[in-house]
Protein backbone atom coordinates (compact mmCIF):
# COMPACT_ATOMS: atom_id res chain seq x y z
CA MET A 1 18.75 0.35 2.77
CA THR A 2 16.82 -2.83 2.23
CA GLU A 3 13.36 -4.21 1.47
CA ILE A 4 10.53 -6.24 2.91
CA VAL A 5 8.14 -8.56 1.10
CA VAL A 6 4.71 -9.39 2.50
CA GLU A 7 2.10 -11.65 0.88
CA GLN A 8 -1.64 -11.68 1.52
CA ARG A 9 -4.28 -13.96 0.05
CA ILE A 10 -7.60 -12.23 -0.57
CA ARG A 11 -10.94 -13.84 -1.39
CA ALA A 12 -11.76 -11.27 -4.05
CA SER A 13 -10.99 -10.70 -7.71
CA ARG A 14 -7.91 -8.77 -8.83
CA ALA A 15 -10.25 -6.02 -10.08
CA THR A 16 -11.79 -5.65 -6.62
CA VAL A 17 -8.41 -5.58 -4.87
CA TYR A 18 -7.06 -3.08 -7.41
CA ARG A 19 -10.00 -0.77 -6.64
CA PHE A 20 -9.08 -0.88 -2.92
CA LEU A 21 -5.54 0.20 -3.86
CA THR A 22 -6.46 3.07 -6.17
CA ASN A 23 -9.62 4.64 -4.75
CA SER A 24 -9.33 7.11 -1.86
CA GLU A 25 -12.46 6.01 0.00
CA GLU A 26 -11.71 2.30 -0.40
CA TRP A 27 -8.07 2.71 0.73
CA ALA A 28 -9.17 4.59 3.87
CA ARG A 29 -11.55 1.74 4.77
CA TRP A 30 -8.63 -0.63 5.38
CA HIS A 31 -5.59 1.55 6.04
CA GLY A 32 -5.88 4.88 7.73
CA GLU A 33 -8.18 7.66 8.76
CA SER A 34 -8.34 9.22 5.31
CA ALA A 35 -6.62 8.97 1.94
CA GLU A 36 -6.19 11.22 -1.07
CA LEU A 37 -5.20 9.19 -4.10
CA GLU A 38 -4.76 10.44 -7.66
CA ALA A 39 -4.23 7.05 -9.27
CA VAL A 40 -2.31 8.11 -12.38
CA PRO A 41 1.47 8.06 -12.91
CA GLY A 42 2.80 11.13 -11.10
CA GLY A 43 -0.44 11.49 -9.13
CA LEU A 44 -0.57 12.16 -5.39
CA PHE A 45 -0.54 9.37 -2.81
CA SER A 46 -1.45 10.75 0.63
CA LEU A 47 -2.62 8.78 3.63
CA VAL A 48 -3.44 10.03 7.14
CA MET A 49 -3.21 7.31 9.76
CA ALA A 50 -5.49 7.07 12.80
CA ASN A 51 -2.59 8.36 14.95
CA GLY A 52 -2.35 11.49 12.75
CA MET A 53 0.83 10.54 10.90
CA ASN A 54 0.80 11.37 7.20
CA ALA A 55 2.39 9.14 4.54
CA ARG A 56 2.95 10.84 1.22
CA GLY A 57 4.39 10.05 -2.20
CA GLN A 58 3.26 9.67 -5.76
CA PHE A 59 2.08 6.90 -8.02
CA THR A 60 4.80 5.72 -10.40
CA GLU A 61 3.14 2.79 -12.17
CA LEU A 62 -0.40 1.46 -12.54
CA VAL A 63 -1.35 -1.63 -14.53
CA PRO A 64 -5.10 -2.15 -14.05
CA ASP A 65 -5.93 -5.23 -11.99
CA ARG A 66 -2.25 -6.32 -11.92
CA ARG A 67 0.20 -3.82 -10.42
CA VAL A 68 0.32 -0.63 -8.34
CA GLU A 69 3.54 1.17 -7.48
CA PHE A 70 4.02 4.38 -5.52
CA THR A 71 6.66 6.20 -3.53
CA TRP A 72 6.20 6.39 0.24
CA GLY A 73 7.52 8.45 3.13
CA TRP A 74 6.36 10.36 6.18
CA VAL A 75 5.58 14.07 6.29
CA ASP A 76 6.27 14.17 10.02
CA ARG A 77 9.10 11.66 10.36
CA PRO A 78 12.56 12.76 9.22
CA GLY A 79 14.06 9.26 8.82
CA ILE A 80 11.82 8.50 5.83
CA PRO A 81 10.85 11.72 4.04
CA PRO A 82 7.94 11.75 1.55
CA GLY A 83 8.68 9.82 -1.61
CA SER A 84 11.94 8.29 -0.35
CA THR A 85 10.89 4.61 -0.46
CA ILE A 86 9.03 2.55 -3.07
CA VAL A 87 6.03 0.28 -2.54
CA SER A 88 5.25 -2.19 -5.34
CA ILE A 89 2.11 -4.33 -5.20
CA GLU A 90 1.59 -7.26 -7.57
CA LEU A 91 -1.79 -8.98 -7.95
CA THR A 92 -1.98 -12.54 -9.27
CA ASP A 93 -4.89 -14.92 -9.69
CA GLU A 94 -5.35 -17.76 -7.25
CA PRO A 95 -8.06 -20.46 -7.27
CA GLU A 96 -9.98 -18.70 -4.47
CA GLY A 97 -9.18 -15.08 -5.30
CA THR A 98 -6.02 -13.00 -5.45
CA LEU A 99 -2.50 -13.21 -4.12
CA LEU A 100 -1.21 -9.75 -3.23
CA THR A 101 2.58 -9.45 -3.01
CA LEU A 102 3.83 -6.18 -1.53
CA THR A 103 7.49 -5.21 -1.77
CA HIS A 104 8.61 -2.11 0.15
CA ARG A 105 12.09 -1.05 -1.03
CA ASN A 106 14.74 1.45 0.07
CA LEU A 107 13.79 1.32 3.75
CA PRO A 108 16.47 2.28 6.26
CA THR A 109 17.54 -0.82 8.20
CA ASP A 110 16.19 0.57 11.48
CA GLU A 111 12.71 0.98 9.90
CA ILE A 112 12.35 -2.58 8.54
CA SER A 113 10.69 -4.13 11.59
CA GLU A 114 8.17 -1.34 12.12
CA HIS A 115 7.12 -1.18 8.48
CA ARG A 116 6.85 -4.97 8.20
CA GLN A 117 4.63 -4.95 11.30
CA GLY A 118 2.51 -2.19 9.78
CA TRP A 119 1.95 -3.98 6.47
CA GLU A 120 1.33 -7.28 8.30
CA THR A 121 -1.33 -5.51 10.38
CA PHE A 122 -3.11 -3.68 7.57
CA LEU A 123 -3.03 -6.20 4.69
CA PRO A 124 -5.21 -8.71 6.60
CA ARG A 125 -7.69 -5.85 7.11
CA LEU A 126 -7.68 -5.32 3.34
CA ALA A 127 -8.33 -9.04 2.86
CA GLU A 128 -11.23 -8.95 5.29
CA ILE A 129 -12.90 -5.86 3.84
CA ALA A 130 -12.28 -6.63 0.15
CA GLY A 131 -13.52 -10.19 0.62
CA GLU A 132 -16.86 -9.14 2.12
């Protein structure tokens, strides 16, 4: 098991980016077909991708405008069951907006490349939409 770290600069405030990470409708705009988020510790994290795959876990930590952490796994993919990995997102101020640093931990080695590619595909979409 190992981790990936992906950074994304976003031309928006930390408060705006945080909203895109904790609101169901906003999350679905940049990452997936639909999302059901209960943004409280222990609350549901559920995301349905455009290809029908469902990621599920629960929120473990929320620090408004600074940090979001949730567990992650796939309902329909046995190698990474729901809640088996951890995604931590840190938001820090930058002169022109926010630096988002995502760390995805406890990934099986054979899943590293695919998950890195996924985050590197979707985080620029977040930057584009949140910076509008």
